[in-house]
Amino acid sequence: MLLATPSWPSTGSGMAMTFGPHITENPAPIVWFILKANEPGEFRLVPHPIPAHGGRFSNFDASPWLEPITDYGTVAAGAPGYVPLPGDREPLGICCLDQCTQLTAFECAYHDGLFLGEGSCSTSPCVADADKGACCLNGGCELKSRAECYRLNGAFAGEGTTCDATPCDESEK
């Protein structure tokens, strides 16, 4: 079964494909695409439009099997594409969008979020009143939340750190 957005196959639209009966044990990866074009164009595997869904292939069972997307690629007609090699998936980290979401750095950038690196959303690091710590910027130190510090291109020393105990040197300018 194909599930497509109403504007498929126009630019920025997408589709999902399901197979029946659903595989519940020992799933085998099945991925293949055919690109037929009369003019240059591309087919891209991109993050889900709803960031909370992340980049995963899944089945549609009540208890879905989720397989993280290892990397995103492009198949192009009349131009070079990008085919990722199999391997480890980029690690998930804190991404500040409208709220804190666990995404890869690429997925976060794709959704115009602020990637804070490793960590958990349990401490609400994206809100203005999040736990503050030493933030080295412009050769000095200020107490900021991690998100505030990164938005200012500072170097964050960690929640609960103090400026007195954090040396900020020329590298943080």
Protein backbone atom coordinates (compact mmCIF):
# COMPACT_ATOMS: atom_id res chain seq x y z
CA MET A 1 0.00 0.00 0.00
CA LEU A 2 1.29 3.48 -0.85
CA LEU A 3 0.47 6.42 1.40
CA ALA A 4 1.27 9.72 -0.32
CA THR A 5 0.85 13.38 0.53
CA PRO A 6 -1.86 15.06 -1.60
CA SER A 7 0.73 16.92 -3.69
CA TRP A 8 2.83 13.82 -4.51
CA PRO A 9 5.08 13.74 -6.61
CA SER A 10 5.75 17.49 -6.51
CA THR A 11 8.82 18.98 -4.83
CA GLY A 12 8.68 18.78 -1.06
CA SER A 13 6.02 16.05 -1.01
CA GLY A 14 6.52 12.49 0.09
CA MET A 15 5.15 9.02 0.43
CA ALA A 16 5.29 5.94 2.60
CA MET A 17 5.07 2.34 1.48
CA THR A 18 3.67 -0.58 3.48
CA PHE A 19 3.80 -4.30 2.84
CA GLY A 20 1.32 -6.89 4.08
CA PRO A 21 1.26 -9.06 5.99
CA HIS A 22 3.47 -7.15 8.41
CA ILE A 23 6.73 -8.78 9.37
CA THR A 24 6.93 -9.28 13.12
CA GLU A 25 10.05 -11.45 13.43
CA ASN A 26 13.45 -11.25 11.74
CA PRO A 27 12.64 -8.32 9.47
CA ALA A 28 14.77 -8.04 6.36
CA PRO A 29 15.67 -4.61 4.98
CA ILE A 30 14.06 -3.98 1.60
CA VAL A 31 15.03 -0.73 -0.06
CA TRP A 32 15.05 -0.04 -3.77
CA PHE A 33 14.19 2.92 -5.93
CA ILE A 34 13.81 3.49 -9.64
CA LEU A 35 14.31 7.03 -10.88
CA LYS A 36 13.02 7.82 -14.33
CA ALA A 37 13.32 11.42 -15.45
CA ASN A 38 13.09 13.33 -18.69
CA GLU A 39 15.06 16.21 -17.20
CA PRO A 40 17.54 16.66 -14.33
CA GLY A 41 16.03 16.06 -10.94
CA GLU A 42 16.57 14.21 -7.69
CA PHE A 43 14.99 11.85 -5.22
CA ARG A 44 16.02 12.55 -1.63
CA LEU A 45 15.63 10.57 1.57
CA VAL A 46 15.09 13.31 4.17
CA PRO A 47 13.97 13.47 7.81
CA HIS A 48 10.27 13.12 8.62
CA PRO A 49 8.42 16.48 8.45
CA ILE A 50 7.32 16.01 12.07
CA PRO A 51 10.61 16.20 14.01
CA ALA A 52 9.34 14.10 16.93
CA HIS A 53 9.05 11.13 14.55
CA GLY A 54 12.79 11.26 13.88
CA GLY A 55 14.45 9.37 11.04
CA ARG A 56 13.23 5.81 11.17
CA PHE A 57 11.87 3.12 8.92
CA SER A 58 9.03 1.26 10.59
CA ASN A 59 6.17 -1.14 10.18
CA PHE A 60 2.66 -0.11 11.17
CA ASP A 61 1.91 -2.69 13.85
CA ALA A 62 0.39 -1.69 17.19
CA SER A 63 3.88 -2.21 18.63
CA PRO A 64 5.95 -0.97 15.69
CA TRP A 65 9.40 -2.17 14.82
CA LEU A 66 11.55 0.95 14.30
CA GLU A 67 14.87 0.91 12.45
CA PRO A 68 16.92 4.12 12.55
CA ILE A 69 17.95 5.57 9.20
CA THR A 70 21.74 5.25 9.03
CA ASP A 71 22.23 8.23 6.71
CA TYR A 72 20.25 10.32 4.26
CA GLY A 73 20.98 10.14 0.55
CA THR A 74 20.13 11.55 -2.86
CA VAL A 75 19.59 9.75 -6.15
CA ALA A 76 19.92 12.24 -8.99
CA ALA A 77 19.09 12.20 -12.70
CA GLY A 78 21.53 14.18 -14.79
CA ALA A 79 23.63 15.19 -11.75
CA PRO A 80 25.78 13.53 -9.08
CA GLY A 81 23.93 12.05 -6.12
CA TYR A 82 24.98 10.92 -2.67
CA VAL A 83 24.72 7.30 -1.65
CA PRO A 84 25.56 6.71 2.01
CA LEU A 85 27.52 3.67 3.01
CA PRO A 86 26.09 1.25 5.56
CA GLY A 87 27.35 1.84 9.05
CA ASP A 88 26.60 3.22 12.43
CA ARG A 89 23.91 5.84 12.74
CA GLU A 90 24.81 9.33 13.89
CA PRO A 91 24.04 9.57 17.63
CA LEU A 92 20.90 11.25 18.92
CA GLY A 93 21.25 14.42 20.96
CA ILE A 94 19.30 17.39 22.24
CA CYS A 95 17.62 19.47 19.52
CA CYS A 96 15.79 22.65 20.50
CA LEU A 97 12.82 23.29 18.23
CA ASP A 98 9.48 24.43 19.68
CA GLN A 99 10.38 21.96 22.41
CA CYS A 100 13.25 19.64 23.23
CA THR A 101 13.45 16.65 20.84
CA GLN A 102 15.99 13.82 20.50
CA LEU A 103 17.36 13.98 16.93
CA THR A 104 20.68 13.59 15.12
CA ALA A 105 22.66 16.76 14.35
CA PHE A 106 21.63 16.48 10.67
CA GLU A 107 17.94 16.03 11.49
CA CYS A 108 18.08 19.00 13.88
CA ALA A 109 19.73 21.24 11.26
CA TYR A 110 17.21 20.06 8.65
CA HIS A 111 14.40 21.34 10.88
CA ASP A 112 16.28 24.60 11.66
CA GLY A 113 16.76 23.59 15.28
CA LEU A 114 19.58 24.27 17.70
CA PHE A 115 21.62 21.11 18.32
CA LEU A 116 23.05 20.98 21.85
CA GLY A 117 24.85 17.65 21.55
CA GLU A 118 24.56 14.66 23.83
CA GLY A 119 22.13 14.75 26.69
CA SER A 120 18.55 14.27 27.69
CA CYS A 121 15.44 16.39 27.37
CA SER A 122 14.53 15.46 30.97
CA THR A 123 16.28 18.58 32.31
CA SER A 124 14.43 20.87 29.80
CA PRO A 125 17.69 22.34 28.42
CA CYS A 126 15.86 24.32 25.70
CA VAL A 127 13.75 26.56 27.93
CA ALA A 128 14.95 30.01 28.99
CA ASP A 129 14.98 29.12 32.70
CA ALA A 130 16.95 25.88 32.23
CA ASP A 131 19.79 25.11 34.62
CA LYS A 132 22.51 27.65 34.00
CA GLY A 133 26.24 27.20 33.90
CA ALA A 134 29.42 28.93 32.85
CA CYS A 135 29.40 30.11 29.24
CA CYS A 136 32.67 31.33 27.74
CA LEU A 137 32.15 33.94 25.06
CA ASN A 138 34.06 36.95 23.83
CA GLY A 139 36.94 36.12 26.17
CA GLY A 140 34.74 36.37 29.26
CA CYS A 141 32.29 34.25 31.21
CA GLU A 142 28.56 34.62 31.84
CA LEU A 143 25.99 32.32 33.46
CA LYS A 144 23.66 31.07 30.72
CA SER A 145 21.53 28.05 29.91
CA ARG A 146 23.12 25.64 27.44
CA ALA A 147 20.72 26.79 24.69
CA GLU A 148 21.41 30.49 25.38
CA CYS A 149 25.16 29.87 25.35
CA TYR A 150 25.10 27.93 22.07
CA ARG A 151 22.84 30.52 20.42
CA LEU A 152 25.52 33.11 21.25
CA ASN A 153 28.25 30.78 19.86
CA GLY A 154 29.74 30.33 23.31
CA ALA A 155 31.44 27.33 24.90
CA PHE A 156 29.21 25.83 27.60
CA ALA A 157 31.00 24.27 30.60
CA GLY A 158 27.95 22.41 31.93
CA GLU A 159 24.90 22.90 34.13
CA GLY A 160 25.79 24.11 37.60
CA THR A 161 29.31 25.27 36.71
CA THR A 162 30.47 28.71 37.85
CA CYS A 163 32.51 31.37 36.14
CA ASP A 164 34.94 31.45 39.07
CA ALA A 165 35.84 27.78 38.48
CA THR A 166 35.82 27.96 34.68
CA PRO A 167 38.83 29.42 32.85
CA CYS A 168 37.82 31.03 29.57
CA ASP A 169 40.74 31.50 27.22
CA GLU A 170 41.34 32.96 23.77
CA SER A 171 39.84 29.87 22.06
CA GLU A 172 36.36 30.86 23.24
CA LYS A 173 36.51 34.30 21.61
